[in-house]
């Protein structure tokens, strides 16, 4: 739990009325956007597992995002 939500929970437990755009029950839930991004990340990691292992074993001096994304995932695609 983030420090912010921990503080908000403590305030609620002390009787302070905290009003937010999301219901209290959902404060600890992962947002749909974050859950979707995690799924996409999991798919990407699985699809490029060999490339990531190659980076880990032989190319750690290179920036991972450059090595993985620019050199492999986006290679040959229009990035504009």
N, C-alpha and C. Protein backbone atom coordinates (compact mmCIF):
# COMPACT_ATOMS: atom_id res chain seq x y z
N UNK A 1 0.85 -1.17 0.00
CA UNK A 1 0.00 0.00 0.00
C UNK A 1 0.90 1.24 0.00
N UNK A 2 0.50 2.21 -0.77
CA UNK A 2 1.30 3.43 -0.83
C UNK A 2 1.21 4.19 0.49
N UNK A 3 2.18 5.03 0.69
CA UNK A 3 2.21 5.84 1.91
C UNK A 3 0.98 6.75 1.99
N UNK A 4 0.56 7.25 0.84
CA UNK A 4 -0.61 8.13 0.80
C UNK A 4 -1.86 7.40 1.27
N UNK A 5 -2.09 6.21 0.70
CA UNK A 5 -3.29 5.47 1.09
C UNK A 5 -3.20 4.97 2.53
N UNK A 6 -2.01 4.66 2.98
CA UNK A 6 -1.84 4.26 4.37
C UNK A 6 -2.25 5.42 5.29
N UNK A 7 -1.83 6.61 4.94
CA UNK A 7 -2.20 7.80 5.72
C UNK A 7 -3.70 8.02 5.69
N UNK A 8 -4.29 7.87 4.50
CA UNK A 8 -5.75 8.04 4.39
C UNK A 8 -6.50 7.00 5.21
N UNK A 9 -6.04 5.76 5.17
CA UNK A 9 -6.67 4.71 5.98
C UNK A 9 -6.58 5.06 7.47
N UNK A 10 -5.43 5.53 7.89
CA UNK A 10 -5.26 5.91 9.31
C UNK A 10 -6.21 7.05 9.69
N UNK A 11 -6.38 8.00 8.80
CA UNK A 11 -7.31 9.09 9.07
C UNK A 11 -8.74 8.58 9.21
N UNK A 12 -9.13 7.68 8.31
CA UNK A 12 -10.49 7.11 8.38
C UNK A 12 -10.67 6.36 9.69
N UNK A 13 -9.67 5.58 10.08
CA UNK A 13 -9.77 4.81 11.33
C UNK A 13 -9.82 5.72 12.56
N UNK A 14 -9.33 6.94 12.41
CA UNK A 14 -9.41 7.91 13.52
C UNK A 14 -10.72 8.69 13.50
N UNK A 15 -11.56 8.39 12.51
CA UNK A 15 -12.86 9.03 12.45
C UNK A 15 -12.95 10.23 11.53
N UNK A 16 -11.88 10.51 10.81
CA UNK A 16 -11.89 11.64 9.88
C UNK A 16 -12.65 11.23 8.62
N UNK A 17 -13.53 12.10 8.15
CA UNK A 17 -14.26 11.82 6.92
C UNK A 17 -13.37 12.19 5.73
N UNK A 18 -13.00 11.19 4.96
CA UNK A 18 -12.15 11.40 3.78
C UNK A 18 -13.02 11.19 2.55
N UNK A 19 -13.10 12.19 1.70
CA UNK A 19 -13.92 12.12 0.49
C UNK A 19 -12.99 12.04 -0.71
N UNK A 20 -13.19 10.98 -1.50
CA UNK A 20 -12.38 10.80 -2.71
C UNK A 20 -13.30 10.41 -3.86
N UNK A 21 -12.75 10.40 -5.07
CA UNK A 21 -13.54 10.03 -6.25
C UNK A 21 -13.79 8.53 -6.35
N UNK A 22 -13.09 7.74 -5.54
CA UNK A 22 -13.29 6.29 -5.60
C UNK A 22 -13.80 5.81 -4.24
N UNK A 23 -14.64 4.78 -4.25
CA UNK A 23 -15.16 4.27 -2.98
C UNK A 23 -14.04 3.70 -2.11
N UNK A 24 -14.25 3.77 -0.81
CA UNK A 24 -13.27 3.28 0.16
C UNK A 24 -12.87 1.83 -0.13
N UNK A 25 -13.84 1.01 -0.52
CA UNK A 25 -13.58 -0.41 -0.77
C UNK A 25 -12.58 -0.63 -1.90
N UNK A 26 -12.44 0.34 -2.78
CA UNK A 26 -11.55 0.19 -3.93
C UNK A 26 -10.19 0.85 -3.73
N UNK A 27 -9.95 1.44 -2.57
CA UNK A 27 -8.68 2.12 -2.34
C UNK A 27 -7.49 1.19 -2.52
N UNK A 28 -7.63 -0.06 -2.15
CA UNK A 28 -6.50 -0.99 -2.22
C UNK A 28 -6.50 -1.82 -3.50
N UNK A 29 -7.48 -1.60 -4.34
CA UNK A 29 -7.57 -2.36 -5.59
C UNK A 29 -6.69 -1.74 -6.66
N UNK A 30 -6.17 -2.58 -7.51
CA UNK A 30 -5.39 -2.11 -8.64
C UNK A 30 -6.35 -1.52 -9.66
N UNK A 31 -6.00 -0.36 -10.19
CA UNK A 31 -6.88 0.26 -11.18
C UNK A 31 -6.89 -0.58 -12.46
N UNK A 32 -7.94 -0.41 -13.24
CA UNK A 32 -8.07 -1.16 -14.50
C UNK A 32 -6.90 -0.84 -15.43
N UNK A 33 -6.48 0.42 -15.44
CA UNK A 33 -5.38 0.82 -16.31
C UNK A 33 -4.08 0.12 -15.91
N UNK A 34 -3.82 0.08 -14.62
CA UNK A 34 -2.60 -0.57 -14.13
C UNK A 34 -2.66 -2.07 -14.38
N UNK A 35 -3.81 -2.67 -14.16
CA UNK A 35 -3.97 -4.11 -14.40
C UNK A 35 -3.74 -4.43 -15.88
N UNK A 36 -4.26 -3.58 -16.76
CA UNK A 36 -4.08 -3.78 -18.20
C UNK A 36 -2.61 -3.63 -18.59
N UNK A 37 -1.95 -2.63 -18.04
CA UNK A 37 -0.52 -2.44 -18.33
C UNK A 37 0.30 -3.63 -17.84
N UNK A 38 -0.05 -4.18 -16.68
CA UNK A 38 0.67 -5.34 -16.17
C UNK A 38 0.49 -6.53 -17.10
N UNK A 39 -0.73 -6.74 -17.60
CA UNK A 39 -0.96 -7.83 -18.54
C UNK A 39 -0.12 -7.65 -19.80
N UNK A 40 -0.09 -6.42 -20.31
CA UNK A 40 0.71 -6.14 -21.51
C UNK A 40 2.19 -6.38 -21.24
N UNK A 41 2.63 -5.98 -20.07
CA UNK A 41 4.03 -6.18 -19.69
C UNK A 41 4.35 -7.67 -19.60
N UNK A 42 3.46 -8.43 -18.97
CA UNK A 42 3.68 -9.87 -18.85
C UNK A 42 3.79 -10.53 -20.22
N UNK A 43 2.94 -10.13 -21.15
CA UNK A 43 2.98 -10.68 -22.50
C UNK A 43 4.30 -10.31 -23.18
N UNK A 44 4.71 -9.07 -23.03
CA UNK A 44 5.97 -8.60 -23.63
C UNK A 44 7.16 -9.36 -23.06
N UNK A 45 7.18 -9.54 -21.76
CA UNK A 45 8.29 -10.26 -21.12
C UNK A 45 8.33 -11.70 -21.61
N UNK A 46 7.18 -12.33 -21.71
CA UNK A 46 7.14 -13.71 -22.19
C UNK A 46 7.59 -13.80 -23.65
N UNK A 47 7.11 -12.88 -24.46
CA UNK A 47 7.43 -12.90 -25.88
C UNK A 47 8.91 -12.63 -26.14
N UNK A 48 9.52 -11.78 -25.33
CA UNK A 48 10.92 -11.39 -25.53
C UNK A 48 11.84 -11.93 -24.44
N UNK A 49 11.46 -13.04 -23.86
CA UNK A 49 12.24 -13.62 -22.77
C UNK A 49 13.69 -13.88 -23.17
N UNK A 50 13.89 -14.43 -24.36
CA UNK A 50 15.26 -14.72 -24.82
C UNK A 50 16.08 -13.44 -24.98
N UNK A 51 15.46 -12.40 -25.48
CA UNK A 51 16.16 -11.12 -25.66
C UNK A 51 16.53 -10.53 -24.30
N UNK A 52 15.62 -10.62 -23.35
CA UNK A 52 15.88 -10.10 -22.00
C UNK A 52 17.02 -10.89 -21.35
N UNK A 53 17.00 -12.20 -21.52
CA UNK A 53 18.08 -13.03 -20.98
C UNK A 53 19.41 -12.68 -21.63
N UNK A 54 19.39 -12.44 -22.94
CA UNK A 54 20.61 -12.05 -23.65
C UNK A 54 21.15 -10.73 -23.10
N UNK A 55 20.24 -9.77 -22.89
CA UNK A 55 20.67 -8.49 -22.31
C UNK A 55 21.28 -8.73 -20.93
N UNK A 56 20.61 -9.54 -20.12
CA UNK A 56 21.07 -9.78 -18.75
C UNK A 56 22.46 -10.42 -18.74
N UNK A 57 22.68 -11.36 -19.63
CA UNK A 57 23.95 -12.09 -19.64
C UNK A 57 25.08 -11.35 -20.34
N UNK A 58 24.75 -10.56 -21.37
CA UNK A 58 25.82 -10.02 -22.21
C UNK A 58 25.80 -8.51 -22.45
N UNK A 59 24.73 -7.84 -22.11
CA UNK A 59 24.61 -6.44 -22.54
C UNK A 59 24.15 -5.49 -21.44
N UNK A 60 24.40 -5.81 -20.19
CA UNK A 60 23.89 -4.97 -19.10
C UNK A 60 24.46 -3.56 -19.09
N UNK A 61 25.54 -3.36 -19.81
CA UNK A 61 26.07 -2.00 -19.89
C UNK A 61 25.19 -1.11 -20.77
N UNK A 62 24.36 -1.74 -21.60
CA UNK A 62 23.42 -1.00 -22.44
C UNK A 62 22.13 -0.74 -21.67
N UNK A 63 21.48 0.35 -21.99
CA UNK A 63 20.19 0.67 -21.40
C UNK A 63 19.17 -0.38 -21.84
N UNK A 64 18.46 -0.98 -20.88
CA UNK A 64 17.51 -2.04 -21.20
C UNK A 64 16.40 -1.56 -22.13
N UNK A 65 15.88 -0.37 -21.89
CA UNK A 65 14.79 0.11 -22.75
C UNK A 65 15.27 0.29 -24.19
N UNK A 66 16.49 0.77 -24.37
CA UNK A 66 17.04 0.91 -25.72
C UNK A 66 17.26 -0.47 -26.34
N UNK A 67 17.89 -1.35 -25.58
CA UNK A 67 18.21 -2.69 -26.08
C UNK A 67 16.94 -3.46 -26.43
N UNK A 68 15.99 -3.48 -25.52
CA UNK A 68 14.77 -4.27 -25.72
C UNK A 68 13.80 -3.57 -26.67
N UNK A 69 13.44 -2.36 -26.32
CA UNK A 69 12.38 -1.68 -27.07
C UNK A 69 12.83 -1.23 -28.45
N UNK A 70 13.85 -0.40 -28.48
CA UNK A 70 14.28 0.17 -29.76
C UNK A 70 14.91 -0.87 -30.68
N UNK A 71 15.73 -1.73 -30.11
CA UNK A 71 16.48 -2.68 -30.94
C UNK A 71 15.72 -3.95 -31.29
N UNK A 72 14.66 -4.25 -30.54
CA UNK A 72 13.96 -5.51 -30.79
C UNK A 72 12.45 -5.34 -30.97
N UNK A 73 11.78 -4.79 -29.98
CA UNK A 73 10.32 -4.69 -30.03
C UNK A 73 9.87 -3.74 -31.14
N UNK A 74 10.49 -2.59 -31.22
CA UNK A 74 10.06 -1.58 -32.19
C UNK A 74 10.88 -1.56 -33.47
N UNK A 75 11.86 -2.42 -33.58
CA UNK A 75 12.74 -2.43 -34.75
C UNK A 75 11.93 -2.60 -36.03
N UNK A 76 12.12 -1.67 -36.95
CA UNK A 76 11.44 -1.74 -38.23
C UNK A 76 10.02 -1.21 -38.22
N UNK A 77 9.57 -0.70 -37.08
CA UNK A 77 8.22 -0.16 -36.99
C UNK A 77 8.29 1.36 -36.97
N UNK A 78 7.25 1.99 -37.46
CA UNK A 78 7.16 3.45 -37.45
C UNK A 78 6.92 3.90 -36.01
N UNK A 79 7.85 4.65 -35.45
CA UNK A 79 7.74 5.09 -34.05
C UNK A 79 7.31 6.54 -33.93
N UNK A 80 6.82 7.12 -35.02
CA UNK A 80 6.41 8.53 -34.95
C UNK A 80 5.07 8.70 -34.31
